[in-house]
């Protein structure tokens, strides 16, 4: 029997993020227009230090607004297929970046962050790489310790109960519910 489960995690409180998204969009347009006007003035022969500085500052502000706008719409996709957990970061619903792929059977532990061992593992010197793949702080956060590419790693994420149940089938000793 094949096991496949996929879920997306998005940030709660979309109202405030939506307002910030549109504010950044407006700021990006305004600063972009100001940067273009400054560039046109520079090409027209008005070449002085203040005009160059204002043009560069407006261009940098427009780019900063663009980055901030895109970072308001982030999701994490957790995909489980026959023992393999793949995690990808989705930015603005169009750019997908694969973060990791790990075998659930190789996890030493998967437990809630409220577990006593979590604080100890956060400061453990053997853990080289940490993957923070969550958006909502609080209940529902789990951590996992595993070896990836020869390095001991830690994953903090927010799987559903269904996904945790599937993990338990593949790694009964390592998963704490």
Protein backbone atom coordinates (compact mmCIF):
# COMPACT_ATOMS: atom_id res chain seq x y z
CA UNK A 1 0.00 0.00 0.00
CA UNK A 2 1.34 3.39 -0.96
CA UNK A 3 1.23 6.19 1.58
CA UNK A 4 0.85 9.73 0.31
CA UNK A 5 -0.22 12.79 2.25
CA UNK A 6 0.30 16.44 1.42
CA UNK A 7 -0.57 19.55 3.37
CA UNK A 8 0.14 23.25 3.22
CA UNK A 9 0.73 25.44 6.24
CA UNK A 10 -0.06 29.13 5.96
CA UNK A 11 0.04 31.89 8.54
CA UNK A 12 -3.05 32.69 10.54
CA UNK A 13 -4.27 36.29 10.70
CA UNK A 14 -4.50 37.01 7.01
CA UNK A 15 -6.23 40.39 7.50
CA UNK A 16 -3.19 42.26 8.85
CA UNK A 17 -0.89 40.55 6.36
CA UNK A 18 -3.25 41.45 3.50
CA UNK A 19 -3.25 45.12 4.51
CA UNK A 20 0.55 45.14 4.71
CA UNK A 21 0.73 43.37 1.33
CA UNK A 22 -1.30 46.10 -0.38
CA UNK A 23 0.53 48.89 1.47
CA UNK A 24 3.83 47.47 0.20
CA UNK A 25 2.38 47.17 -3.28
CA UNK A 26 1.39 50.87 -3.23
CA UNK A 27 4.77 51.90 -1.80
CA UNK A 28 6.54 49.86 -4.44
CA UNK A 29 4.68 51.70 -7.21
CA UNK A 30 5.22 55.16 -5.69
CA UNK A 31 8.95 54.65 -5.03
CA UNK A 32 9.35 53.03 -8.46
CA UNK A 33 7.82 56.05 -10.18
CA UNK A 34 10.01 58.42 -8.15
CA UNK A 35 13.11 56.37 -9.05
CA UNK A 36 12.18 56.46 -12.75
CA UNK A 37 11.61 60.21 -12.63
CA UNK A 38 14.98 60.67 -10.97
CA UNK A 39 16.61 58.47 -13.59
CA UNK A 40 15.01 60.46 -16.39
CA UNK A 41 16.23 63.70 -14.79
CA UNK A 42 19.75 62.28 -14.57
CA UNK A 43 19.66 61.27 -18.23
CA UNK A 44 18.40 64.74 -19.12
CA UNK A 45 21.60 66.30 -17.85
CA UNK A 46 20.67 67.14 -14.24
CA UNK A 47 23.66 65.26 -12.85
CA UNK A 48 24.41 66.22 -9.26
CA UNK A 49 25.11 64.25 -6.11
CA UNK A 50 21.72 64.91 -4.48
CA UNK A 51 19.75 63.74 -7.55
CA UNK A 52 21.83 60.56 -7.78
CA UNK A 53 21.36 59.86 -4.05
CA UNK A 54 17.58 60.42 -4.16
CA UNK A 55 17.24 58.21 -7.25
CA UNK A 56 19.23 55.40 -5.61
CA UNK A 57 17.29 55.69 -2.34
CA UNK A 58 13.92 55.58 -4.15
CA UNK A 59 15.05 52.59 -6.23
CA UNK A 60 16.25 50.75 -3.12
CA UNK A 61 12.99 51.55 -1.30
CA UNK A 62 10.95 50.19 -4.25
CA UNK A 63 13.00 46.98 -4.24
CA UNK A 64 12.65 46.69 -0.44
CA UNK A 65 8.88 47.06 -0.76
CA UNK A 66 8.89 44.34 -3.43
CA UNK A 67 10.76 41.92 -1.15
CA UNK A 68 8.57 42.76 1.86
CA UNK A 69 5.41 42.32 -0.22
CA UNK A 70 6.48 38.88 -1.43
CA UNK A 71 7.39 37.77 2.08
CA UNK A 72 3.84 38.43 3.30
CA UNK A 73 2.55 35.42 1.40
CA UNK A 74 4.64 32.42 2.50
CA UNK A 75 3.49 28.83 2.88
CA UNK A 76 5.22 25.57 3.68
CA UNK A 77 4.25 22.39 1.84
CA UNK A 78 4.81 19.09 3.64
CA UNK A 79 4.64 16.07 1.35
CA UNK A 80 4.90 12.53 2.67
CA UNK A 81 5.40 9.71 0.16
CA UNK A 82 6.16 6.15 1.28
CA UNK A 83 8.40 7.13 4.18
CA UNK A 84 9.98 10.25 2.68
CA UNK A 85 9.12 13.70 3.99
CA UNK A 86 9.69 16.56 1.56
CA UNK A 87 9.36 20.16 2.70
CA UNK A 88 9.19 23.14 0.36
CA UNK A 89 8.77 26.87 0.95
CA UNK A 90 6.27 28.55 -1.37
CA UNK A 91 6.70 32.32 -1.79
CA UNK A 92 3.83 34.39 -3.17
CA UNK A 93 2.18 31.25 -4.59
CA UNK A 94 4.55 31.11 -7.55
CA UNK A 95 8.10 30.47 -6.35
CA UNK A 96 8.80 27.07 -4.79
CA UNK A 97 12.05 26.33 -2.97
CA UNK A 98 12.80 22.77 -1.81
CA UNK A 99 14.19 22.86 1.71
CA UNK A 100 14.75 19.23 2.60
CA UNK A 101 13.94 15.62 1.90
CA UNK A 102 14.35 13.12 4.73
CA UNK A 103 13.41 9.53 5.53
CA UNK A 104 11.04 9.33 8.51
CA UNK A 105 12.59 6.01 9.56
CA UNK A 106 15.88 7.81 10.18
CA UNK A 107 14.43 10.36 12.62
CA UNK A 108 15.70 9.78 16.14
CA UNK A 109 12.67 11.55 17.56
CA UNK A 110 9.62 13.52 16.48
CA UNK A 111 7.96 15.14 19.48
CA UNK A 112 6.02 18.26 20.48
CA UNK A 113 8.09 21.34 21.27
CA UNK A 114 6.50 21.25 24.73
CA UNK A 115 8.53 18.07 25.35
CA UNK A 116 11.32 18.39 27.92
CA UNK A 117 14.00 17.39 25.41
CA UNK A 118 13.26 20.26 23.01
CA UNK A 119 15.09 22.96 25.01
CA UNK A 120 18.06 20.64 25.45
CA UNK A 121 18.19 19.91 21.72
CA UNK A 122 18.00 23.60 20.77
CA UNK A 123 21.40 24.18 22.37
CA UNK A 124 22.94 20.79 21.54
CA UNK A 125 26.40 21.24 20.02
CA UNK A 126 26.13 18.21 17.71
CA UNK A 127 23.19 19.73 15.80
CA UNK A 128 24.72 21.54 12.85
CA UNK A 129 21.69 22.48 10.74
CA UNK A 130 18.29 23.78 11.92
CA UNK A 131 15.22 23.94 9.69
CA UNK A 132 12.44 26.21 10.93
CA UNK A 133 9.49 25.32 8.70
CA UNK A 134 6.58 26.78 10.63
CA UNK A 135 4.57 29.98 10.49
CA UNK A 136 2.26 29.83 13.51
CA UNK A 137 3.82 29.90 16.95
CA UNK A 138 2.20 28.07 19.83
CA UNK A 139 0.43 24.73 19.98
CA UNK A 140 0.89 22.23 17.21
CA UNK A 141 4.66 22.68 16.80
CA UNK A 142 6.80 19.55 16.65
CA UNK A 143 10.53 19.00 16.36
CA UNK A 144 12.49 16.19 14.78
CA UNK A 145 16.12 15.15 15.08
CA UNK A 146 17.71 13.38 12.12
CA UNK A 147 20.92 13.02 10.11
CA UNK A 148 20.93 14.60 6.65
CA UNK A 149 23.98 14.50 4.38
CA UNK A 150 26.16 13.41 7.30
CA UNK A 151 25.09 16.31 9.53
CA UNK A 152 22.87 16.05 12.57
CA UNK A 153 19.91 18.31 11.94
CA UNK A 154 16.80 19.61 13.67
CA UNK A 155 13.44 20.31 12.06
CA UNK A 156 10.75 22.43 13.73
CA UNK A 157 7.42 22.22 11.88
CA UNK A 158 3.64 22.03 12.37
CA UNK A 159 2.25 18.75 11.00
CA UNK A 160 -1.40 17.76 11.28
CA UNK A 161 -2.62 14.89 13.45
CA UNK A 162 -3.16 12.81 10.32
CA UNK A 163 0.44 13.29 9.20
CA UNK A 164 1.73 12.45 12.67
CA UNK A 165 -0.32 9.23 12.59
CA UNK A 166 1.32 8.27 9.30
CA UNK A 167 4.77 9.08 10.76
CA UNK A 168 3.94 6.78 13.69
CA UNK A 169 3.31 3.87 11.27
CA UNK A 170 6.76 4.27 9.72
CA UNK A 171 8.71 5.09 12.90
CA UNK A 172 6.73 3.80 15.91
CA UNK A 173 9.58 4.18 18.43
CA UNK A 174 10.67 7.67 17.37
CA UNK A 175 7.33 9.51 17.16
CA UNK A 176 5.78 10.90 20.35
CA UNK A 177 2.22 12.12 20.05
